[in-house]
Amino acid sequence: MLPIGLCSILMLAICIERSYTLNPKKIAPPHLLAAVWKQLKKGEFDEGKLRTLRQSSPLGLILAAGLANASHGREVMKESIQEAAGHVVHDLERYLNTLGTVAAVTPLLGLLGTVFGMIAVFAEIMVQGTGNASALAGGISQALITTAAGLTIAIPALVMHRYFVGKIDAIVVELEQETIKLVDALHSEEGEGVPT
């Protein structure tokens, strides 16, 4: 039960941290691209603003990587954006492997506890025989508690793991859309403007 209890604390901590961190408005602020585009059109975008953009949000980091290499052509800009996006996605997926491991391991820990409990029950049968049915039933029910506890932790862990994976996928699609708008606007023949 102790490892299962530790897994439950770990699962809860990861779920709280990821719920706070995976806020789409913090990762991809809604009007960031439009603000950057206005500064670019006015010629007000300099190294200081690029540094500020890089530190503002994950989307800002990706946009800054593209803008820093915009003068080298479309392909170089896209490569730098992909490299920065890879780092951002890695940060978004932090602790998800651990959460998936908790979801996979806790039922096994519960089953292991049940097996140990059943071994103890059968050892008791060898010593006392089968005459005391209430003691045996109590031992068996006690052994099954660990399986129930393991499943009680594993099911929410699996649900939250799937939820966070889906949320990250949606955020990544949004980041891709924003960066494609920037690349197309900077390297289109017209260069008319970025849709908001």
N, C-alpha and C. Protein backbone atom coordinates (compact mmCIF):
# COMPACT_ATOMS: atom_id res chain seq x y z
N MET A 1 0.82 -1.21 0.00
CA MET A 1 0.00 0.00 0.00
C MET A 1 0.85 1.27 0.00
N LEU A 2 2.04 1.21 0.58
CA LEU A 2 2.89 2.41 0.63
C LEU A 2 3.27 2.89 -0.77
N PRO A 3 3.76 1.99 -1.67
CA PRO A 3 4.05 2.47 -3.03
C PRO A 3 2.82 3.01 -3.75
N ILE A 4 1.67 2.39 -3.51
CA ILE A 4 0.44 2.88 -4.14
C ILE A 4 0.09 4.28 -3.60
N GLY A 5 0.27 4.49 -2.31
CA GLY A 5 0.04 5.81 -1.72
C GLY A 5 0.99 6.86 -2.30
N LEU A 6 2.26 6.49 -2.49
CA LEU A 6 3.22 7.41 -3.09
C LEU A 6 2.84 7.74 -4.53
N CYS A 7 2.36 6.72 -5.26
CA CYS A 7 1.91 6.94 -6.64
C CYS A 7 0.72 7.90 -6.68
N SER A 8 -0.16 7.80 -5.70
CA SER A 8 -1.32 8.69 -5.68
C SER A 8 -0.90 10.14 -5.44
N ILE A 9 0.07 10.32 -4.55
CA ILE A 9 0.58 11.69 -4.30
C ILE A 9 1.26 12.24 -5.55
N LEU A 10 2.06 11.40 -6.21
CA LEU A 10 2.75 11.81 -7.42
C LEU A 10 1.77 12.17 -8.52
N MET A 11 0.73 11.34 -8.69
CA MET A 11 -0.29 11.61 -9.71
C MET A 11 -0.99 12.94 -9.43
N LEU A 12 -1.35 13.17 -8.20
CA LEU A 12 -2.04 14.41 -7.84
C LEU A 12 -1.15 15.63 -8.10
N ALA A 13 0.12 15.53 -7.72
CA ALA A 13 1.05 16.64 -7.93
C ALA A 13 1.22 16.95 -9.42
N ILE A 14 1.38 15.91 -10.24
CA ILE A 14 1.55 16.11 -11.68
C ILE A 14 0.29 16.72 -12.28
N CYS A 15 -0.87 16.25 -11.89
CA CYS A 15 -2.13 16.77 -12.44
C CYS A 15 -2.32 18.24 -12.09
N ILE A 16 -2.00 18.62 -10.87
CA ILE A 16 -2.13 20.03 -10.47
C ILE A 16 -1.13 20.89 -11.25
N GLU A 17 0.12 20.44 -11.34
CA GLU A 17 1.15 21.22 -12.03
C GLU A 17 0.82 21.37 -13.51
N ARG A 18 0.42 20.28 -14.17
CA ARG A 18 0.10 20.33 -15.61
C ARG A 18 -1.15 21.16 -15.87
N SER A 19 -2.14 21.08 -14.98
CA SER A 19 -3.35 21.89 -15.16
C SER A 19 -3.02 23.38 -15.12
N TYR A 20 -2.10 23.75 -14.25
CA TYR A 20 -1.68 25.15 -14.15
C TYR A 20 -0.82 25.55 -15.35
N THR A 21 0.11 24.68 -15.74
CA THR A 21 1.08 25.02 -16.78
C THR A 21 0.47 25.02 -18.18
N LEU A 22 -0.42 24.10 -18.45
CA LEU A 22 -0.98 23.97 -19.80
C LEU A 22 -2.18 24.89 -20.01
N ASN A 23 -1.97 26.15 -19.74
CA ASN A 23 -2.99 27.17 -19.96
C ASN A 23 -2.77 27.74 -21.37
N PRO A 24 -3.69 27.48 -22.31
CA PRO A 24 -3.47 27.92 -23.69
C PRO A 24 -3.22 29.42 -23.83
N LYS A 25 -3.84 30.24 -22.97
CA LYS A 25 -3.65 31.69 -23.08
C LYS A 25 -2.26 32.13 -22.62
N LYS A 26 -1.63 31.34 -21.73
CA LYS A 26 -0.26 31.64 -21.32
C LYS A 26 0.74 31.12 -22.35
N ILE A 27 0.42 30.01 -22.98
CA ILE A 27 1.34 29.41 -23.95
C ILE A 27 1.28 30.15 -25.28
N ALA A 28 0.08 30.46 -25.75
CA ALA A 28 -0.10 31.18 -27.01
C ALA A 28 -1.05 32.35 -26.78
N PRO A 29 -0.51 33.49 -26.29
CA PRO A 29 -1.37 34.66 -26.05
C PRO A 29 -2.14 35.03 -27.32
N PRO A 30 -3.44 35.32 -27.19
CA PRO A 30 -4.31 35.48 -28.36
C PRO A 30 -3.87 36.52 -29.39
N HIS A 31 -3.37 37.67 -28.98
CA HIS A 31 -3.09 38.74 -29.95
C HIS A 31 -1.59 39.00 -30.09
N LEU A 32 -0.77 38.03 -29.72
CA LEU A 32 0.68 38.22 -29.78
C LEU A 32 1.16 38.39 -31.21
N LEU A 33 0.70 37.55 -32.13
CA LEU A 33 1.14 37.63 -33.52
C LEU A 33 0.74 38.95 -34.15
N ALA A 34 -0.47 39.41 -33.89
CA ALA A 34 -0.93 40.69 -34.45
C ALA A 34 -0.08 41.85 -33.92
N ALA A 35 0.27 41.80 -32.64
CA ALA A 35 1.11 42.87 -32.06
C ALA A 35 2.50 42.86 -32.68
N VAL A 36 3.07 41.68 -32.86
CA VAL A 36 4.40 41.57 -33.47
C VAL A 36 4.35 42.07 -34.91
N TRP A 37 3.30 41.70 -35.63
CA TRP A 37 3.19 42.12 -37.03
C TRP A 37 3.07 43.64 -37.16
N LYS A 38 2.32 44.26 -36.25
CA LYS A 38 2.20 45.73 -36.27
C LYS A 38 3.57 46.38 -36.06
N GLN A 39 4.35 45.83 -35.10
CA GLN A 39 5.68 46.38 -34.85
C GLN A 39 6.59 46.18 -36.06
N LEU A 40 6.48 45.06 -36.72
CA LEU A 40 7.29 44.81 -37.91
C LEU A 40 6.93 45.77 -39.03
N LYS A 41 5.64 45.99 -39.26
CA LYS A 41 5.18 46.88 -40.33
C LYS A 41 5.61 48.33 -40.08
N LYS A 42 5.66 48.71 -38.79
CA LYS A 42 6.06 50.08 -38.46
C LYS A 42 7.57 50.23 -38.40
N GLY A 43 8.30 49.13 -38.47
CA GLY A 43 9.75 49.16 -38.38
C GLY A 43 10.26 49.38 -36.97
N GLU A 44 9.43 49.05 -35.98
CA GLU A 44 9.80 49.26 -34.57
C GLU A 44 10.38 48.01 -33.92
N PHE A 45 10.53 46.94 -34.68
CA PHE A 45 10.98 45.68 -34.10
C PHE A 45 12.50 45.62 -34.12
N ASP A 46 13.12 45.59 -32.94
CA ASP A 46 14.58 45.57 -32.84
C ASP A 46 15.04 44.39 -31.97
N GLU A 47 16.33 44.34 -31.67
CA GLU A 47 16.89 43.24 -30.86
C GLU A 47 16.27 43.16 -29.47
N GLY A 48 16.04 44.29 -28.86
CA GLY A 48 15.43 44.31 -27.52
C GLY A 48 14.03 43.72 -27.53
N LYS A 49 13.24 44.09 -28.55
CA LYS A 49 11.88 43.55 -28.64
C LYS A 49 11.91 42.06 -29.00
N LEU A 50 12.91 41.65 -29.77
CA LEU A 50 13.06 40.22 -30.08
C LEU A 50 13.36 39.43 -28.81
N ARG A 51 14.24 39.97 -27.96
CA ARG A 51 14.59 39.33 -26.69
C ARG A 51 13.36 39.25 -25.78
N THR A 52 12.60 40.35 -25.72
CA THR A 52 11.38 40.38 -24.91
C THR A 52 10.36 39.37 -25.42
N LEU A 53 10.23 39.29 -26.74
CA LEU A 53 9.30 38.34 -27.36
C LEU A 53 9.71 36.91 -27.01
N ARG A 54 11.00 36.63 -27.08
CA ARG A 54 11.51 35.28 -26.79
C ARG A 54 11.17 34.85 -25.36
N GLN A 55 11.19 35.80 -24.43
CA GLN A 55 10.95 35.48 -23.02
C GLN A 55 9.48 35.58 -22.61
N SER A 56 8.63 36.06 -23.51
CA SER A 56 7.24 36.34 -23.13
C SER A 56 6.39 35.09 -22.96
N SER A 57 6.55 34.11 -23.85
CA SER A 57 5.69 32.91 -23.83
C SER A 57 6.31 31.87 -24.76
N PRO A 58 5.82 30.63 -24.71
CA PRO A 58 6.31 29.63 -25.66
C PRO A 58 6.07 30.03 -27.12
N LEU A 59 4.89 30.61 -27.42
CA LEU A 59 4.65 31.09 -28.78
C LEU A 59 5.65 32.19 -29.13
N GLY A 60 5.91 33.08 -28.19
CA GLY A 60 6.90 34.14 -28.41
C GLY A 60 8.28 33.58 -28.72
N LEU A 61 8.65 32.52 -28.02
CA LEU A 61 9.94 31.86 -28.27
C LEU A 61 10.02 31.33 -29.70
N ILE A 62 8.93 30.70 -30.16
CA ILE A 62 8.91 30.15 -31.52
C ILE A 62 8.93 31.27 -32.56
N LEU A 63 8.12 32.30 -32.35
CA LEU A 63 8.09 33.43 -33.29
C LEU A 63 9.44 34.13 -33.34
N ALA A 64 10.07 34.30 -32.18
CA ALA A 64 11.38 34.96 -32.13
C ALA A 64 12.43 34.15 -32.90
N ALA A 65 12.37 32.82 -32.79
CA ALA A 65 13.31 31.98 -33.53
C ALA A 65 13.12 32.18 -35.03
N GLY A 66 11.87 32.26 -35.47
CA GLY A 66 11.61 32.50 -36.89
C GLY A 66 12.04 33.88 -37.33
N LEU A 67 11.72 34.89 -36.54
CA LEU A 67 12.07 36.27 -36.91
C LEU A 67 13.58 36.49 -36.94
N ALA A 68 14.30 35.81 -36.04
CA ALA A 68 15.76 35.96 -36.01
C ALA A 68 16.39 35.44 -37.30
N ASN A 69 15.72 34.49 -37.96
CA ASN A 69 16.26 33.91 -39.19
C ASN A 69 15.42 34.24 -40.42
N ALA A 70 14.56 35.23 -40.33
CA ALA A 70 13.68 35.57 -41.45
C ALA A 70 14.45 36.05 -42.67
N SER A 71 15.56 36.70 -42.45
CA SER A 71 16.33 37.25 -43.58
C SER A 71 17.08 36.18 -44.37
N HIS A 72 17.16 34.97 -43.82
CA HIS A 72 17.90 33.88 -44.49
C HIS A 72 17.03 33.06 -45.41
N GLY A 73 15.79 33.42 -45.58
CA GLY A 73 14.90 32.70 -46.49
C GLY A 73 13.86 31.87 -45.75
N ARG A 74 12.87 31.47 -46.53
CA ARG A 74 11.72 30.75 -45.97
C ARG A 74 12.13 29.42 -45.32
N GLU A 75 12.98 28.64 -45.99
CA GLU A 75 13.33 27.31 -45.49
C GLU A 75 14.11 27.39 -44.18
N VAL A 76 15.07 28.31 -44.11
CA VAL A 76 15.86 28.47 -42.89
C VAL A 76 14.97 28.95 -41.75
N MET A 77 14.05 29.84 -42.07
CA MET A 77 13.11 30.33 -41.06
C MET A 77 12.24 29.19 -40.53
N LYS A 78 11.74 28.36 -41.45
CA LYS A 78 10.89 27.23 -41.03
C LYS A 78 11.68 26.23 -40.19
N GLU A 79 12.93 25.98 -40.55
CA GLU A 79 13.76 25.04 -39.78
C GLU A 79 14.00 25.56 -38.36
N SER A 80 14.28 26.86 -38.24
CA SER A 80 14.52 27.42 -36.91
C SER A 80 13.24 27.39 -36.07
N ILE A 81 12.10 27.61 -36.72
CA ILE A 81 10.81 27.54 -36.03
C ILE A 81 10.56 26.11 -35.55
N GLN A 82 10.83 25.12 -36.41
CA GLN A 82 10.62 23.72 -36.04
C GLN A 82 11.52 23.31 -34.88
N GLU A 83 12.76 23.79 -34.89
CA GLU A 83 13.68 23.47 -33.80
C GLU A 83 13.18 24.06 -32.48
N ALA A 84 12.78 25.32 -32.50
CA ALA A 84 12.25 25.96 -31.29
C ALA A 84 10.96 25.29 -30.84
N ALA A 85 10.11 24.92 -31.81
CA ALA A 85 8.85 24.26 -31.46
C ALA A 85 9.10 22.90 -30.82
N GLY A 86 10.14 22.21 -31.26
CA GLY A 86 10.49 20.92 -30.65
C GLY A 86 10.80 21.07 -29.17
N HIS A 87 11.53 22.13 -28.83
CA HIS A 87 11.85 22.39 -27.42
C HIS A 87 10.58 22.74 -26.63
N VAL A 88 9.72 23.54 -27.24
CA VAL A 88 8.47 23.93 -26.57
C VAL A 88 7.59 22.72 -26.31
N VAL A 89 7.44 21.86 -27.33
CA VAL A 89 6.61 20.67 -27.18
C VAL A 89 7.18 19.74 -26.11
N HIS A 90 8.50 19.64 -26.07
CA HIS A 90 9.14 18.82 -25.03
C HIS A 90 8.79 19.35 -23.64
N ASP A 91 8.81 20.66 -23.49
CA ASP A 91 8.44 21.26 -22.20
C ASP A 91 6.96 21.03 -21.87
N LEU A 92 6.10 21.09 -22.90
CA LEU A 92 4.68 20.88 -22.67
C LEU A 92 4.40 19.45 -22.21
N GLU A 93 5.18 18.51 -22.72
CA GLU A 93 4.97 17.09 -22.39
C GLU A 93 5.68 16.65 -21.11
N ARG A 94 6.28 17.58 -20.41
CA ARG A 94 6.99 17.24 -19.18
C ARG A 94 6.07 16.53 -18.20
N TYR A 95 6.58 15.50 -17.57
CA TYR A 95 5.91 14.68 -16.55
C TYR A 95 4.81 13.76 -17.09
N LEU A 96 4.49 13.84 -18.39
CA LEU A 96 3.43 12.97 -18.90
C LEU A 96 3.87 11.51 -18.93
N ASN A 97 5.14 11.25 -19.20
CA ASN A 97 5.63 9.87 -19.14
C ASN A 97 5.48 9.31 -17.73
N THR A 98 5.79 10.15 -16.74
CA THR A 98 5.66 9.73 -15.35
C THR A 98 4.20 9.42 -15.02
N LEU A 99 3.30 10.27 -15.49
CA LEU A 99 1.87 10.04 -15.24
C LEU A 99 1.40 8.74 -15.91
N GLY A 100 1.87 8.49 -17.13
CA GLY A 100 1.54 7.25 -17.82
C GLY A 100 2.10 6.03 -17.09
N THR A 101 3.30 6.19 -16.53
CA THR A 101 3.90 5.09 -15.77
C THR A 101 3.10 4.80 -14.51
N VAL A 102 2.64 5.83 -13.83
CA VAL A 102 1.80 5.65 -12.64
C VAL A 102 0.52 4.90 -13.03
N ALA A 103 -0.08 5.29 -14.17
CA ALA A 103 -1.31 4.62 -14.62
C ALA A 103 -1.08 3.14 -14.92
N ALA A 104 0.12 2.82 -15.42
CA ALA A 104 0.42 1.42 -15.78
C ALA A 104 0.87 0.59 -14.59
N VAL A 105 1.58 1.21 -13.65
CA VAL A 105 2.21 0.46 -12.56
C VAL A 105 1.29 0.22 -11.38
N THR A 106 0.41 1.16 -11.06
CA THR A 106 -0.39 1.00 -9.84
C THR A 106 -1.30 -0.23 -9.84
N PRO A 107 -1.92 -0.62 -10.97
CA PRO A 107 -2.69 -1.87 -10.91
C PRO A 107 -1.79 -3.08 -10.64
N LEU A 108 -0.58 -3.04 -11.18
CA LEU A 108 0.36 -4.14 -10.94
C LEU A 108 0.79 -4.18 -9.48
N LEU A 109 1.01 -3.00 -8.89
CA LEU A 109 1.35 -2.96 -7.47
C LEU A 109 0.19 -3.51 -6.63
N GLY A 110 -1.04 -3.14 -7.02
CA GLY A 110 -2.20 -3.67 -6.31
C GLY A 110 -2.30 -5.18 -6.44
N LEU A 111 -2.05 -5.68 -7.63
CA LEU A 111 -2.09 -7.13 -7.84
C LEU A 111 -0.99 -7.83 -7.04
N LEU A 112 0.17 -7.22 -7.00
CA LEU A 112 1.27 -7.78 -6.22
C LEU A 112 0.90 -7.85 -4.74
N GLY A 113 0.28 -6.80 -4.23
CA GLY A 113 -0.18 -6.80 -2.85
C GLY A 113 -1.20 -7.90 -2.59
N THR A 114 -2.09 -8.10 -3.55
CA THR A 114 -3.09 -9.16 -3.42
C THR A 114 -2.43 -10.54 -3.41
N VAL A 115 -1.44 -10.73 -4.29
CA VAL A 115 -0.73 -12.01 -4.32
C VAL A 115 -0.04 -12.27 -2.98
N PHE A 116 0.64 -11.26 -2.45
CA PHE A 116 1.28 -11.44 -1.14
C PHE A 116 0.25 -11.75 -0.06
N GLY A 117 -0.90 -11.06 -0.11
CA GLY A 117 -1.97 -11.32 0.86
C GLY A 117 -2.51 -12.73 0.75
N MET A 118 -2.68 -13.20 -0.47
CA MET A 118 -3.17 -14.57 -0.67
C MET A 118 -2.14 -15.60 -0.20
N ILE A 119 -0.88 -15.31 -0.41
CA ILE A 119 0.17 -16.20 0.10
C ILE A 119 0.06 -16.31 1.61
N ALA A 120 -0.16 -15.16 2.27
CA ALA A 120 -0.30 -15.16 3.74
C ALA A 120 -1.53 -15.96 4.16
N VAL A 121 -2.65 -15.83 3.40
CA VAL A 121 -3.87 -16.56 3.72
C VAL A 121 -3.62 -18.07 3.60
N PHE A 122 -2.98 -18.49 2.53
CA PHE A 122 -2.71 -19.92 2.36
C PHE A 122 -1.72 -20.45 3.38
N ALA A 123 -0.78 -19.61 3.79
CA ALA A 123 0.13 -20.01 4.86
C ALA A 123 -0.66 -20.21 6.16
N GLU A 124 -1.64 -19.34 6.40
CA GLU A 124 -2.50 -19.47 7.58
C GLU A 124 -3.34 -20.75 7.51
N ILE A 125 -3.82 -21.10 6.32
CA ILE A 125 -4.59 -22.35 6.15
C ILE A 125 -3.72 -23.55 6.47
N MET A 126 -2.46 -23.48 6.06
CA MET A 126 -1.55 -24.59 6.35
C MET A 126 -1.36 -24.76 7.85
N VAL A 127 -1.33 -23.67 8.59
CA VAL A 127 -1.09 -23.73 10.04
C VAL A 127 -2.37 -24.12 10.78
N GLN A 128 -3.49 -23.43 10.49
CA GLN A 128 -4.72 -23.62 11.27
C GLN A 128 -5.75 -24.51 10.59
N GLY A 129 -5.59 -24.79 9.32
CA GLY A 129 -6.61 -25.53 8.59
C GLY A 129 -7.70 -24.60 8.11
N THR A 130 -8.78 -25.16 7.60
CA THR A 130 -9.86 -24.35 7.04
C THR A 130 -11.04 -24.19 8.00
N GLY A 131 -10.83 -24.48 9.25
CA GLY A 131 -11.91 -24.44 10.24
C GLY A 131 -12.41 -23.04 10.53
N ASN A 132 -11.56 -22.01 10.49
CA ASN A 132 -11.97 -20.65 10.85
C ASN A 132 -12.24 -19.86 9.57
N ALA A 133 -13.45 -19.97 9.05
CA ALA A 133 -13.81 -19.35 7.76
C ALA A 133 -13.80 -17.82 7.84
N SER A 134 -14.19 -17.24 8.98
CA SER A 134 -14.24 -15.77 9.08
C SER A 134 -12.84 -15.18 9.02
N ALA A 135 -11.86 -15.83 9.60
CA ALA A 135 -10.48 -15.34 9.55
C ALA A 135 -9.95 -15.41 8.12
N LEU A 136 -10.30 -16.49 7.41
CA LEU A 136 -9.85 -16.62 6.02
C LEU A 136 -10.50 -15.56 5.13
N ALA A 137 -11.81 -15.36 5.32
CA ALA A 137 -12.52 -14.36 4.51
C ALA A 137 -11.96 -12.96 4.79
N GLY A 138 -11.65 -12.68 6.05
CA GLY A 138 -11.05 -11.38 6.39
C GLY A 138 -9.69 -11.20 5.75
N GLY A 139 -8.90 -12.28 5.73
CA GLY A 139 -7.58 -12.21 5.10
C GLY A 139 -7.68 -12.01 3.61
N ILE A 140 -8.64 -12.69 2.96
CA ILE A 140 -8.82 -12.54 1.51
C ILE A 140 -9.30 -11.14 1.17
N SER A 141 -10.26 -10.63 1.93
CA SER A 141 -10.76 -9.27 1.65
C SER A 141 -9.67 -8.23 1.86
N GLN A 142 -8.85 -8.45 2.88
CA GLN A 142 -7.74 -7.54 3.12
C GLN A 142 -6.75 -7.57 1.96
N ALA A 143 -6.52 -8.78 1.41
CA ALA A 143 -5.59 -8.91 0.28
C ALA A 143 -6.13 -8.20 -0.96
N LEU A 144 -7.45 -8.22 -1.16
CA LEU A 144 -8.03 -7.60 -2.35
C LEU A 144 -8.07 -6.07 -2.27
N ILE A 145 -7.91 -5.52 -1.08
CA ILE A 145 -7.92 -4.06 -0.91
C ILE A 145 -6.81 -3.41 -1.73
N THR A 146 -5.65 -4.05 -1.80
CA THR A 146 -4.54 -3.45 -2.56
C THR A 146 -4.87 -3.36 -4.05
N THR A 147 -5.54 -4.37 -4.59
CA THR A 147 -5.94 -4.31 -6.00
C THR A 147 -6.93 -3.16 -6.21
N ALA A 148 -7.89 -3.05 -5.33
CA ALA A 148 -8.86 -1.95 -5.43
C ALA A 148 -8.16 -0.60 -5.34
N ALA A 149 -7.20 -0.48 -4.42
CA ALA A 149 -6.48 0.79 -4.27
C ALA A 149 -5.67 1.10 -5.52
N GLY A 150 -5.01 0.08 -6.09
CA GLY A 150 -4.23 0.29 -7.31
C GLY A 150 -5.10 0.76 -8.46
N LEU A 151 -6.26 0.14 -8.63
CA LEU A 151 -7.17 0.54 -9.71
C LEU A 151 -7.75 1.93 -9.46
N THR A 152 -7.99 2.25 -8.19
CA THR A 152 -8.53 3.57 -7.85
C THR A 152 -7.56 4.69 -8.23
N ILE A 153 -6.26 4.41 -8.19
CA ILE A 153 -5.27 5.40 -8.60
C ILE A 153 -5.04 5.34 -10.11
N ALA A 154 -5.01 4.14 -10.68
CA ALA A 154 -4.67 3.97 -12.09
C ALA A 154 -5.71 4.57 -13.03
N ILE A 155 -6.97 4.42 -12.70
CA ILE A 155 -8.03 4.89 -13.60
C ILE A 155 -7.99 6.41 -13.77
N PRO A 156 -7.97 7.21 -12.68
CA PRO A 156 -7.86 8.66 -12.88
C PRO A 156 -6.54 9.07 -13.53
N ALA A 157 -5.45 8.36 -13.22
CA ALA A 157 -4.15 8.69 -13.82
C ALA A 157 -4.21 8.50 -15.33
N LEU A 158 -4.83 7.42 -15.78
CA LEU A 158 -4.96 7.17 -17.22
C LEU A 158 -5.85 8.20 -17.88
N VAL A 159 -6.95 8.54 -17.24
CA VAL A 159 -7.87 9.55 -17.78
C VAL A 159 -7.15 10.90 -17.91
N MET A 160 -6.43 11.31 -16.87
CA MET A 160 -5.73 12.59 -16.90
C MET A 160 -4.59 12.58 -17.93
N HIS A 161 -3.92 11.45 -18.06
CA HIS A 161 -2.85 11.35 -19.07
C HIS A 161 -3.44 11.58 -20.46
N ARG A 162 -4.55 10.92 -20.76
CA ARG A 162 -5.19 11.10 -22.08
C ARG A 162 -5.68 12.54 -22.26
N TYR A 163 -6.21 13.12 -21.20
CA TYR A 163 -6.70 14.51 -21.26
C TYR A 163 -5.56 15.47 -21.59
N PHE A 164 -4.43 15.31 -20.88
CA PHE A 164 -3.30 16.21 -21.11
C PHE A 164 -2.69 16.01 -22.49
N VAL A 165 -2.63 14.78 -22.98
CA VAL A 165 -2.11 14.53 -24.33
C VAL A 165 -3.00 15.24 -25.36
N GLY A 166 -4.30 15.14 -25.20
CA GLY A 166 -5.22 15.82 -26.11
C GLY A 166 -5.09 17.33 -26.04
N LYS A 167 -4.92 17.84 -24.84
CA LYS A 167 -4.78 19.29 -24.66
C LYS A 167 -3.49 19.79 -25.31
N ILE A 168 -2.41 19.03 -25.15
CA ILE A 168 -1.13 19.41 -25.77
C ILE A 168 -1.25 19.38 -27.29
N ASP A 169 -1.93 18.36 -27.83
CA ASP A 169 -2.12 18.29 -29.28
C ASP A 169 -2.85 19.53 -29.80
N ALA A 170 -3.88 19.95 -29.09
CA ALA A 170 -4.64 21.14 -29.50
C ALA A 170 -3.77 22.40 -29.43
N ILE A 171 -2.95 22.51 -28.40
CA ILE A 171 -2.05 23.67 -28.26
C ILE A 171 -1.02 23.68 -29.38
N VAL A 172 -0.47 22.51 -29.70
CA VAL A 172 0.54 22.42 -30.76
C VAL A 172 -0.06 22.83 -32.10
N VAL A 173 -1.29 22.42 -32.39
CA VAL A 173 -1.94 22.83 -33.64
C VAL A 173 -2.09 24.34 -33.69
N GLU A 174 -2.47 24.94 -32.56
CA GLU A 174 -2.61 26.41 -32.51
C GLU A 174 -1.27 27.10 -32.73
N LEU A 175 -0.21 26.58 -32.12
CA LEU A 175 1.13 27.15 -32.31
C LEU A 175 1.55 27.06 -33.77
N GLU A 176 1.28 25.92 -34.40
CA GLU A 176 1.62 25.74 -35.81
C GLU A 176 0.88 26.73 -36.69
N GLN A 177 -0.40 26.93 -36.43
CA GLN A 177 -1.19 27.87 -37.22
C GLN A 177 -0.64 29.28 -37.12
N GLU A 178 -0.29 29.70 -35.91
CA GLU A 178 0.24 31.05 -35.72
C GLU A 178 1.58 31.24 -36.44
N THR A 179 2.45 30.24 -36.33
CA THR A 179 3.77 30.39 -36.98
C THR A 179 3.66 30.32 -38.49
N ILE A 180 2.74 29.52 -39.01
CA ILE A 180 2.54 29.46 -40.47
C ILE A 180 2.06 30.81 -40.98
N LYS A 181 1.18 31.47 -40.23
CA LYS A 181 0.72 32.81 -40.62
C LYS A 181 1.90 33.77 -40.73
N LEU A 182 2.82 33.70 -39.76
CA LEU A 182 3.98 34.60 -39.78
C LEU A 182 4.88 34.30 -40.97
N VAL A 183 5.19 33.03 -41.19
CA VAL A 183 6.07 32.66 -42.31
C VAL A 183 5.45 33.09 -43.63
N ASP A 184 4.17 32.80 -43.81
CA ASP A 184 3.50 33.16 -45.07
C ASP A 184 3.46 34.67 -45.26
N ALA A 185 3.21 35.41 -44.20
CA ALA A 185 3.14 36.87 -44.31
C ALA A 185 4.51 37.47 -44.65
N LEU A 186 5.57 36.96 -44.04
CA LEU A 186 6.90 37.51 -44.29
C LEU A 186 7.46 37.12 -45.65
N HIS A 187 7.07 35.94 -46.14
CA HIS A 187 7.67 35.45 -47.38
C HIS A 187 6.69 35.31 -48.53
N SER A 188 5.49 35.92 -48.40
CA SER A 188 4.57 35.94 -49.54
C SER A 188 4.98 37.08 -50.46
N GLU A 189 4.54 37.00 -51.67
CA GLU A 189 4.91 38.03 -52.64
C GLU A 189 4.29 39.36 -52.30
N GLU A 190 3.03 39.30 -51.78
CA GLU A 190 2.35 40.57 -51.46
C GLU A 190 2.82 41.11 -50.12
N GLY A 191 2.89 40.21 -49.10
CA GLY A 191 3.26 40.66 -47.75
C GLY A 191 2.27 41.63 -47.18
N GLU A 192 0.98 41.45 -47.54
CA GLU A 192 -0.03 42.43 -47.17
C GLU A 192 -0.28 42.50 -45.67
N GLY A 193 -0.41 41.36 -45.04
CA GLY A 193 -0.69 41.41 -43.60
C GLY A 193 -0.96 40.04 -43.03
N VAL A 194 -0.93 39.98 -41.74
CA VAL A 194 -1.17 38.73 -41.02
C VAL A 194 -2.61 38.73 -40.57
N PRO A 195 -3.36 37.67 -40.91
CA PRO A 195 -4.73 37.61 -40.36
C PRO A 195 -4.69 37.39 -38.87
N THR A 196 -5.62 38.00 -38.15
CA THR A 196 -5.63 37.86 -36.70
C THR A 196 -6.54 36.75 -36.28
